[in-house]
């Protein structure tokens, strides 16, 4: 009877594994919704507080160790590095940190901007013609994933995470994109509100004078 029992045992193990994956996916989705709710309540917070919160949560949700955010120029030819995660800053010993990068000069991490889609590199140590090298003192990157955030067809942000213990997959891509898009909606709303306030103040001063 032993051979006949094997298929059912294999099926049971498969079911348990699938159930665990389903539970983990559910927990991640719930965690992301909780983060997005917290983000939606940060409308009065300064820009760096919002981005730092979103970046650290993106690292947590994807099981990463480091992360960064960069803003794209209007024509997408430049990226301005806005922030690194706390652990990335601790591990970085670069004396003169560069903050602005041309698209044509970026290494492998610039592919998300050039290809305009998420890019996963699960072996960052593997040779690649797209690599440009890293400056001395840079945080060691073993795995890397970054995604573009688009607004009306234009890339506005590139967000990246790195050094997850397990390989990155499409689930990680979804988590990062949805969280960063939620963050951008808050930033975009703040930008619009600030522009309206400036416009109101300008017209008020004109009429008062």
Protein backbone atom coordinates (compact mmCIF):
# COMPACT_ATOMS: atom_id res chain seq x y z
CA UNK A 1 0.00 0.00 0.00
CA UNK A 2 2.98 2.34 0.49
CA UNK A 3 3.42 3.24 -3.19
CA UNK A 4 -0.30 3.99 -3.51
CA UNK A 5 -0.08 6.43 -0.57
CA UNK A 6 2.72 8.54 -2.06
CA UNK A 7 0.59 10.64 -4.46
CA UNK A 8 -1.77 11.67 -1.64
CA UNK A 9 1.20 12.60 0.57
CA UNK A 10 2.70 14.68 -2.21
CA UNK A 11 -0.67 16.33 -2.75
CA UNK A 12 -0.96 17.12 0.95
CA UNK A 13 2.49 18.73 1.00
CA UNK A 14 1.60 20.72 -2.11
CA UNK A 15 -1.65 21.92 -0.51
CA UNK A 16 0.16 22.98 2.68
CA UNK A 17 2.75 24.89 0.65
CA UNK A 18 0.08 26.62 -1.41
CA UNK A 19 -1.87 27.51 1.72
CA UNK A 20 1.23 29.03 3.29
CA UNK A 21 1.85 31.09 0.17
CA UNK A 22 -1.76 32.26 0.14
CA UNK A 23 -1.57 33.27 3.80
CA UNK A 24 1.72 35.11 3.24
CA UNK A 25 0.29 36.93 0.21
CA UNK A 26 -2.78 37.92 2.23
CA UNK A 27 -0.63 39.24 5.07
CA UNK A 28 1.55 41.25 2.69
CA UNK A 29 -1.47 42.76 0.98
CA UNK A 30 -3.01 43.66 4.35
CA UNK A 31 0.28 45.20 5.46
CA UNK A 32 0.48 47.26 2.27
CA UNK A 33 -3.09 48.49 2.69
CA UNK A 34 -2.26 49.52 6.24
CA UNK A 35 0.79 51.45 5.01
CA UNK A 36 -1.26 53.15 2.27
CA UNK A 37 -3.82 54.17 4.88
CA UNK A 38 -1.06 55.68 7.01
CA UNK A 39 0.29 57.48 3.94
CA UNK A 40 -3.12 58.94 3.13
CA UNK A 41 -3.15 60.56 6.56
CA UNK A 42 0.25 62.23 6.08
CA UNK A 43 -1.03 65.07 3.89
CA UNK A 44 0.35 67.71 6.27
CA UNK A 45 3.72 66.00 6.72
CA UNK A 46 6.83 67.39 4.99
CA UNK A 47 8.05 65.77 1.79
CA UNK A 48 11.08 64.04 3.31
CA UNK A 49 8.96 62.48 6.06
CA UNK A 50 6.52 61.03 3.53
CA UNK A 51 9.22 59.64 1.26
CA UNK A 52 11.28 58.22 4.13
CA UNK A 53 8.22 56.45 5.55
CA UNK A 54 7.23 55.01 2.17
CA UNK A 55 10.79 53.89 1.39
CA UNK A 56 11.34 52.12 4.71
CA UNK A 57 7.97 50.38 4.39
CA UNK A 58 8.79 49.32 0.83
CA UNK A 59 11.99 47.73 2.14
CA UNK A 60 10.05 45.93 4.86
CA UNK A 61 7.29 44.67 2.56
CA UNK A 62 9.76 43.26 0.04
CA UNK A 63 12.09 41.77 2.63
CA UNK A 64 14.93 43.97 1.43
CA UNK A 65 17.85 45.54 3.30
CA UNK A 66 18.38 48.81 1.42
CA UNK A 67 16.47 51.15 -0.85
CA UNK A 68 16.44 54.52 -2.60
CA UNK A 69 14.21 57.06 -4.33
CA UNK A 70 15.12 59.25 -7.28
CA UNK A 71 13.07 61.91 -9.08
CA UNK A 72 13.15 62.07 -12.87
CA UNK A 73 13.51 65.27 -14.84
CA UNK A 74 10.67 66.41 -17.10
CA UNK A 75 12.28 64.87 -20.20
CA UNK A 76 13.44 61.76 -18.28
CA UNK A 77 17.06 62.43 -19.22
CA UNK A 78 18.19 62.89 -15.60
CA UNK A 79 17.60 61.26 -12.25
CA UNK A 80 18.05 63.23 -9.06
CA UNK A 81 18.76 60.94 -6.13
CA UNK A 82 16.45 62.15 -3.37
CA UNK A 83 16.91 59.68 -0.53
CA UNK A 84 18.55 56.46 0.59
CA UNK A 85 17.19 54.19 3.29
CA UNK A 86 18.68 54.43 6.79
CA UNK A 87 20.66 51.18 6.46
CA UNK A 88 22.00 52.20 3.05
CA UNK A 89 23.29 55.46 4.51
CA UNK A 90 24.98 53.59 7.36
CA UNK A 91 26.71 51.21 4.94
CA UNK A 92 27.77 53.91 2.47
CA UNK A 93 31.29 55.32 2.82
CA UNK A 94 31.45 57.35 -0.39
CA UNK A 95 33.23 60.62 0.33
CA UNK A 96 31.67 62.71 -2.43
CA UNK A 97 28.15 61.46 -3.11
CA UNK A 98 26.78 62.20 -6.55
CA UNK A 99 23.12 63.23 -6.61
CA UNK A 100 22.34 63.80 -10.30
CA UNK A 101 22.75 61.12 -12.95
CA UNK A 102 22.34 61.28 -16.72
CA UNK A 103 20.27 58.46 -18.21
CA UNK A 104 23.00 57.70 -20.73
CA UNK A 105 25.62 57.35 -18.01
CA UNK A 106 23.70 55.14 -15.58
CA UNK A 107 24.71 51.55 -15.06
CA UNK A 108 22.49 48.53 -14.57
CA UNK A 109 20.30 50.36 -12.06
CA UNK A 110 19.27 52.81 -14.78
CA UNK A 111 17.54 50.14 -16.86
CA UNK A 112 14.16 50.81 -15.22
CA UNK A 113 14.38 54.35 -16.60
CA UNK A 114 15.68 53.35 -20.02
CA UNK A 115 13.30 50.41 -20.46
CA UNK A 116 10.40 52.19 -18.72
CA UNK A 117 9.46 49.05 -16.82
CA UNK A 118 10.39 47.15 -13.60
CA UNK A 119 13.78 45.44 -13.70
CA UNK A 120 14.87 42.57 -11.42
CA UNK A 121 18.52 41.60 -11.08
CA UNK A 122 18.79 38.63 -8.74
CA UNK A 123 22.56 38.29 -9.19
CA UNK A 124 24.03 41.76 -9.18
CA UNK A 125 27.55 40.34 -9.04
CA UNK A 126 27.14 38.69 -12.45
CA UNK A 127 29.05 40.45 -15.26
CA UNK A 128 26.89 42.64 -17.48
CA UNK A 129 27.70 45.02 -20.37
CA UNK A 130 25.27 47.50 -18.79
CA UNK A 131 27.34 47.83 -15.62
CA UNK A 132 29.32 51.03 -15.12
CA UNK A 133 30.99 50.00 -11.87
CA UNK A 134 30.42 51.36 -8.37
CA UNK A 135 32.33 54.10 -6.58
CA UNK A 136 34.61 53.12 -3.72
CA UNK A 137 32.69 52.84 -0.46
CA UNK A 138 29.33 52.09 -2.14
CA UNK A 139 26.97 49.72 -0.35
CA UNK A 140 27.54 46.20 -1.63
CA UNK A 141 24.56 45.13 -3.75
CA UNK A 142 23.82 41.43 -4.20
CA UNK A 143 20.26 41.60 -5.50
CA UNK A 144 18.41 44.58 -6.88
CA UNK A 145 14.96 45.54 -8.12
CA UNK A 146 13.69 48.92 -9.23
CA UNK A 147 10.50 50.24 -10.76
CA UNK A 148 9.37 53.40 -12.54
CA UNK A 149 6.39 55.40 -11.27
CA UNK A 150 4.50 57.06 -14.11
CA UNK A 151 2.14 60.02 -14.11
CA UNK A 152 0.24 60.72 -17.34
CA UNK A 153 2.72 58.63 -19.30
CA UNK A 154 5.84 60.27 -17.87
CA UNK A 155 8.25 58.71 -15.41
CA UNK A 156 8.34 60.82 -12.26
CA UNK A 157 10.11 58.52 -9.81
CA UNK A 158 12.45 55.55 -9.87
CA UNK A 159 12.27 53.50 -6.67
CA UNK A 160 14.66 50.67 -5.92
CA UNK A 161 15.31 48.09 -3.22
CA UNK A 162 18.14 45.64 -2.75
CA UNK A 163 19.70 42.69 -0.95
CA UNK A 164 16.65 40.56 -0.26
CA UNK A 165 17.79 37.15 1.01
CA UNK A 166 15.61 35.29 -1.50
CA UNK A 167 15.26 36.16 -5.20
CA UNK A 168 12.93 39.01 -6.10
CA UNK A 169 9.79 38.06 -8.02
CA UNK A 170 6.68 39.61 -9.55
CA UNK A 171 4.99 39.77 -6.15
CA UNK A 172 7.77 42.08 -4.95
CA UNK A 173 7.34 44.19 -8.08
CA UNK A 174 3.61 44.62 -7.37
CA UNK A 175 4.22 45.54 -3.74
CA UNK A 176 6.78 48.19 -4.67
CA UNK A 177 4.77 49.68 -7.53
CA UNK A 178 1.50 49.92 -5.59
CA UNK A 179 3.20 51.47 -2.57
CA UNK A 180 5.19 53.98 -4.62
CA UNK A 181 2.16 54.93 -6.68
CA UNK A 182 0.25 55.55 -3.44
CA UNK A 183 3.10 57.72 -2.20
CA UNK A 184 3.19 59.68 -5.46
CA UNK A 185 -0.52 60.45 -5.26
CA UNK A 186 0.10 62.09 -1.88
CA UNK A 187 3.07 64.06 -3.23
CA UNK A 188 1.16 65.11 -6.34
CA UNK A 189 -1.78 66.30 -4.26
CA UNK A 190 0.56 68.31 -2.03
CA UNK A 191 2.19 69.86 -5.08
CA UNK A 192 -1.19 70.91 -6.50
CA UNK A 193 -2.32 72.33 -3.13
CA UNK A 194 0.91 74.29 -2.74
CA UNK A 195 0.54 75.72 -6.26
CA UNK A 196 -3.03 76.77 -5.48
CA UNK A 197 -1.96 78.45 -2.24
CA UNK A 198 0.81 80.34 -4.02
CA UNK A 199 -1.65 81.43 -6.71
CA UNK A 200 -4.18 82.62 -4.13
CA UNK A 201 -1.52 84.54 -2.22
CA UNK A 202 -0.32 86.17 -5.46
CA UNK A 203 -3.79 87.36 -6.46
CA UNK A 204 -4.60 88.44 -2.91
CA UNK A 205 -1.50 90.63 -2.81
CA UNK A 206 -2.41 92.15 -6.18
CA UNK A 207 -5.92 93.07 -5.05
CA UNK A 208 -4.75 94.37 -1.69
CA UNK A 209 -2.26 96.67 -3.39
